[in-house]
Amino acid sequence: MAVVDPSSSVEPPVAGKTSRLILVSGPTRSGKSRWAEHLLKHHPVVTYIATAAARPDDRDWQKRLEAHRQRRPDHWSVSECGAELVSVINGLAPGQSVLIDALGGFVAHHLDLTAQDWDHLCEQLIASIRASHCTFVLVIEETGWGIVPPTRIGGLFRDRLGTLAQALDPVADAAWLVLQGRALDLHALGQVVP
């Protein structure tokens, strides 16, 4: 079991302050969602936004969702946004903390958009986060480290997710990479690729 530094949590938002964005990325089963939850554990008002499709007939998916539910504090509210992440962000009350889990669900909902419409939606998402007066922790699945997707739609998903993650980093206050149950501070350890 990984040791978690209790000082790594994020301070709750202060009324009247601008938004704050923390990115948490990693591969499947890395601990990225647990780390994101840990960062907000002391926050009094948290909205958990689920972006993935419900998939009620997928037992393995339902087990994963249940594990997430069991970890979340009782006082957190939950919103399932489907494709409407930007609208949900625009409707958030200021001063709260928001955990978006995860960016891949948002990307998957919009794979049918043209490249131009997708770029416009990404600009709207980033503008909505920046205009909000909330603290955001955004979970991002890491793709592209394994096999090349055998389908066009798989490649499109991988490319759009990676490109959007890179577009979010310059506006993020912090970025974490979670591997094997360990979180690495990318802004402290990494260099921006020119």
Protein backbone atom coordinates (compact mmCIF):
# COMPACT_ATOMS: atom_id res chain seq x y z
CA MET A 1 0.00 0.00 0.00
CA ALA A 2 1.33 3.41 -0.98
CA VAL A 3 2.09 5.96 1.69
CA VAL A 4 0.15 9.20 1.22
CA ASP A 5 1.61 12.49 2.38
CA PRO A 6 -1.24 14.12 4.35
CA SER A 7 0.11 17.58 3.53
CA SER A 8 -0.65 17.04 -0.16
CA SER A 9 -4.30 17.98 0.04
CA VAL A 10 -5.55 21.17 -1.61
CA GLU A 11 -6.88 24.08 0.43
CA PRO A 12 -10.63 24.69 0.05
CA PRO A 13 -11.60 27.62 -2.18
CA VAL A 14 -11.87 31.11 -0.73
CA ALA A 15 -14.98 33.15 -1.52
CA GLY A 16 -14.39 35.71 -4.25
CA LYS A 17 -11.22 34.07 -5.56
CA THR A 18 -10.87 32.87 -9.12
CA SER A 19 -10.96 29.23 -10.10
CA ARG A 20 -8.22 26.76 -9.40
CA LEU A 21 -7.46 23.70 -11.53
CA ILE A 22 -5.55 20.59 -10.50
CA LEU A 23 -5.03 17.83 -13.09
CA VAL A 24 -4.61 14.19 -12.03
CA SER A 25 -3.70 11.73 -14.77
CA GLY A 26 -2.64 8.13 -14.93
CA PRO A 27 -3.37 4.77 -16.50
CA THR A 28 -6.12 2.36 -15.50
CA ARG A 29 -5.88 1.10 -11.90
CA SER A 30 -3.08 3.53 -11.08
CA GLY A 31 -4.82 5.16 -8.10
CA LYS A 32 -5.57 8.44 -9.91
CA SER A 33 -9.16 8.68 -8.66
CA ARG A 34 -8.10 7.88 -5.09
CA TRP A 35 -5.45 10.61 -5.28
CA ALA A 36 -7.97 13.11 -6.67
CA GLU A 37 -10.37 12.27 -3.82
CA HIS A 38 -7.53 12.64 -1.31
CA LEU A 39 -6.73 16.14 -2.58
CA LEU A 40 -10.27 17.25 -1.65
CA LYS A 41 -10.74 15.26 1.56
CA HIS A 42 -10.85 18.33 3.83
CA HIS A 43 -13.17 20.40 1.65
CA PRO A 44 -16.60 21.10 3.15
CA VAL A 45 -18.55 21.40 -0.13
CA VAL A 46 -17.63 19.02 -2.95
CA THR A 47 -19.52 18.14 -6.10
CA TYR A 48 -18.41 14.93 -7.78
CA ILE A 49 -19.14 15.04 -11.51
CA ALA A 50 -19.21 11.70 -13.31
CA THR A 51 -18.77 11.98 -17.07
CA ALA A 52 -19.00 8.36 -18.22
CA ALA A 53 -22.08 6.64 -19.58
CA ALA A 54 -23.97 4.64 -16.92
CA ARG A 55 -23.62 1.21 -18.64
CA PRO A 56 -26.15 -0.54 -16.34
CA ASP A 57 -25.70 -3.93 -18.06
CA ASP A 58 -21.91 -4.01 -17.55
CA ARG A 59 -21.30 -5.76 -14.20
CA ASP A 60 -17.58 -5.02 -14.08
CA TRP A 61 -18.25 -1.32 -14.72
CA GLN A 62 -20.89 -1.28 -11.99
CA LYS A 63 -18.39 -2.81 -9.53
CA ARG A 64 -15.92 -0.03 -10.34
CA LEU A 65 -18.59 2.62 -9.83
CA GLU A 66 -19.58 1.06 -6.51
CA ALA A 67 -15.96 1.14 -5.30
CA HIS A 68 -15.89 4.88 -6.10
CA ARG A 69 -19.19 5.41 -4.27
CA GLN A 70 -17.93 3.61 -1.18
CA ARG A 71 -14.83 5.84 -0.97
CA ARG A 72 -16.64 9.16 -1.34
CA PRO A 73 -17.58 11.06 1.82
CA ASP A 74 -21.32 11.21 2.51
CA HIS A 75 -21.45 15.02 2.32
CA TRP A 76 -20.25 15.09 -1.32
CA SER A 77 -23.01 15.67 -3.88
CA VAL A 78 -22.93 13.71 -7.13
CA SER A 79 -23.84 14.89 -10.60
CA GLU A 80 -23.88 12.65 -13.66
CA CYS A 81 -23.39 15.04 -16.55
CA GLY A 82 -23.27 12.79 -19.59
CA ALA A 83 -22.27 14.94 -22.54
CA GLU A 84 -23.16 18.21 -20.78
CA LEU A 85 -20.00 18.87 -18.76
CA VAL A 86 -19.69 22.50 -19.89
CA SER A 87 -23.31 23.26 -18.93
CA VAL A 88 -22.88 21.61 -15.53
CA ILE A 89 -19.72 23.63 -14.84
CA ASN A 90 -21.49 26.83 -15.87
CA GLY A 91 -24.27 26.05 -13.37
CA LEU A 92 -22.01 25.43 -10.36
CA ALA A 93 -22.36 27.64 -7.30
CA PRO A 94 -19.15 29.59 -6.62
CA GLY A 95 -16.89 28.68 -3.73
CA GLN A 96 -17.23 24.91 -3.90
CA SER A 97 -14.79 22.20 -4.87
CA VAL A 98 -15.44 19.98 -7.86
CA LEU A 99 -14.03 16.58 -8.74
CA ILE A 100 -14.52 15.67 -12.40
CA ASP A 101 -13.94 11.97 -12.95
CA ALA A 102 -12.93 11.72 -15.73
CA LEU A 103 -12.09 13.59 -18.92
CA GLY A 104 -12.35 10.43 -21.03
CA GLY A 105 -16.12 10.26 -20.56
CA PHE A 106 -16.43 13.81 -21.87
CA VAL A 107 -14.28 12.96 -24.90
CA ALA A 108 -16.22 9.74 -25.59
CA HIS A 109 -19.55 11.59 -25.62
CA HIS A 110 -18.32 13.91 -28.39
CA LEU A 111 -16.45 11.65 -30.82
CA ASP A 112 -19.03 12.38 -33.50
CA LEU A 113 -18.14 16.10 -33.62
CA THR A 114 -16.15 17.51 -36.50
CA ALA A 115 -12.61 18.64 -35.70
CA GLN A 116 -13.73 22.28 -35.77
CA ASP A 117 -16.72 21.67 -33.48
CA TRP A 118 -14.54 19.64 -31.11
CA ASP A 119 -11.94 22.43 -30.92
CA HIS A 120 -14.72 24.92 -30.17
CA LEU A 121 -16.13 22.69 -27.40
CA CYS A 122 -12.66 22.34 -25.84
CA GLU A 123 -12.30 26.13 -25.84
CA GLN A 124 -15.71 26.39 -24.12
CA LEU A 125 -14.67 23.83 -21.48
CA ILE A 126 -11.46 25.66 -20.65
CA ALA A 127 -13.23 29.05 -20.58
CA SER A 128 -15.93 27.66 -18.26
CA ILE A 129 -13.36 26.31 -15.82
CA ARG A 130 -11.41 29.58 -15.85
CA ALA A 131 -14.54 31.70 -15.36
CA SER A 132 -15.80 29.63 -12.45
CA HIS A 133 -15.02 30.50 -8.84
CA CYS A 134 -14.50 26.87 -7.85
CA THR A 135 -11.57 24.58 -7.19
CA PHE A 136 -11.47 21.81 -9.79
CA VAL A 137 -9.67 18.49 -9.58
CA LEU A 138 -9.89 16.89 -13.02
CA VAL A 139 -9.04 13.22 -13.52
CA ILE A 140 -7.58 12.37 -16.93
CA GLU A 141 -7.03 8.85 -18.22
CA GLU A 142 -3.62 8.31 -19.79
CA THR A 143 -3.87 6.57 -23.16
CA GLY A 144 -1.37 5.92 -25.90
CA TRP A 145 1.24 4.16 -23.72
CA GLY A 146 0.18 0.75 -25.00
CA ILE A 147 -0.89 -0.66 -28.31
CA VAL A 148 -2.07 1.54 -31.16
CA PRO A 149 -5.88 1.37 -31.29
CA PRO A 150 -6.97 -0.87 -34.19
CA THR A 151 -9.96 1.35 -35.04
CA ARG A 152 -10.26 4.93 -36.28
CA ILE A 153 -12.59 5.81 -33.40
CA GLY A 154 -10.08 4.44 -30.88
CA GLY A 155 -7.32 6.53 -32.40
CA LEU A 156 -9.56 9.60 -32.44
CA PHE A 157 -10.40 9.11 -28.74
CA ARG A 158 -6.72 8.72 -27.82
CA ASP A 159 -5.65 11.77 -29.83
CA ARG A 160 -8.45 14.05 -28.61
CA LEU A 161 -7.89 13.07 -24.98
CA GLY A 162 -4.14 13.71 -25.21
CA THR A 163 -4.56 17.02 -27.01
CA LEU A 164 -7.17 18.27 -24.54
CA ALA A 165 -4.99 17.25 -21.59
CA GLN A 166 -2.13 19.30 -23.05
CA ALA A 167 -4.44 22.28 -23.60
CA LEU A 168 -5.56 22.15 -19.96
CA ASP A 169 -2.04 22.00 -18.48
CA PRO A 170 -1.06 25.65 -19.14
CA VAL A 171 -4.11 26.86 -17.18
CA ALA A 172 -3.63 24.31 -14.37
CA ASP A 173 -2.20 25.27 -10.99
CA ALA A 174 -0.88 21.73 -10.49
CA ALA A 175 -0.63 18.48 -12.42
CA TRP A 176 -0.11 15.03 -10.95
CA LEU A 177 0.81 11.78 -12.67
CA VAL A 178 -0.26 8.71 -10.70
CA LEU A 179 1.49 5.40 -11.36
CA GLN A 180 1.43 2.21 -9.29
CA GLY A 181 -0.24 4.02 -6.40
CA ARG A 182 2.27 6.87 -6.30
CA ALA A 183 1.63 10.48 -7.24
CA LEU A 184 4.28 12.56 -9.00
CA ASP A 185 4.08 16.36 -9.13
CA LEU A 186 4.60 17.05 -12.83
CA HIS A 187 4.94 20.82 -12.52
CA ALA A 188 7.70 20.43 -9.93
CA LEU A 189 9.51 17.58 -11.69
CA GLY A 190 8.93 18.24 -15.38
CA GLN A 191 9.88 20.68 -18.09
CA VAL A 192 7.45 22.10 -20.64
CA VAL A 193 8.07 20.59 -24.07
CA PRO A 194 8.85 23.42 -26.52
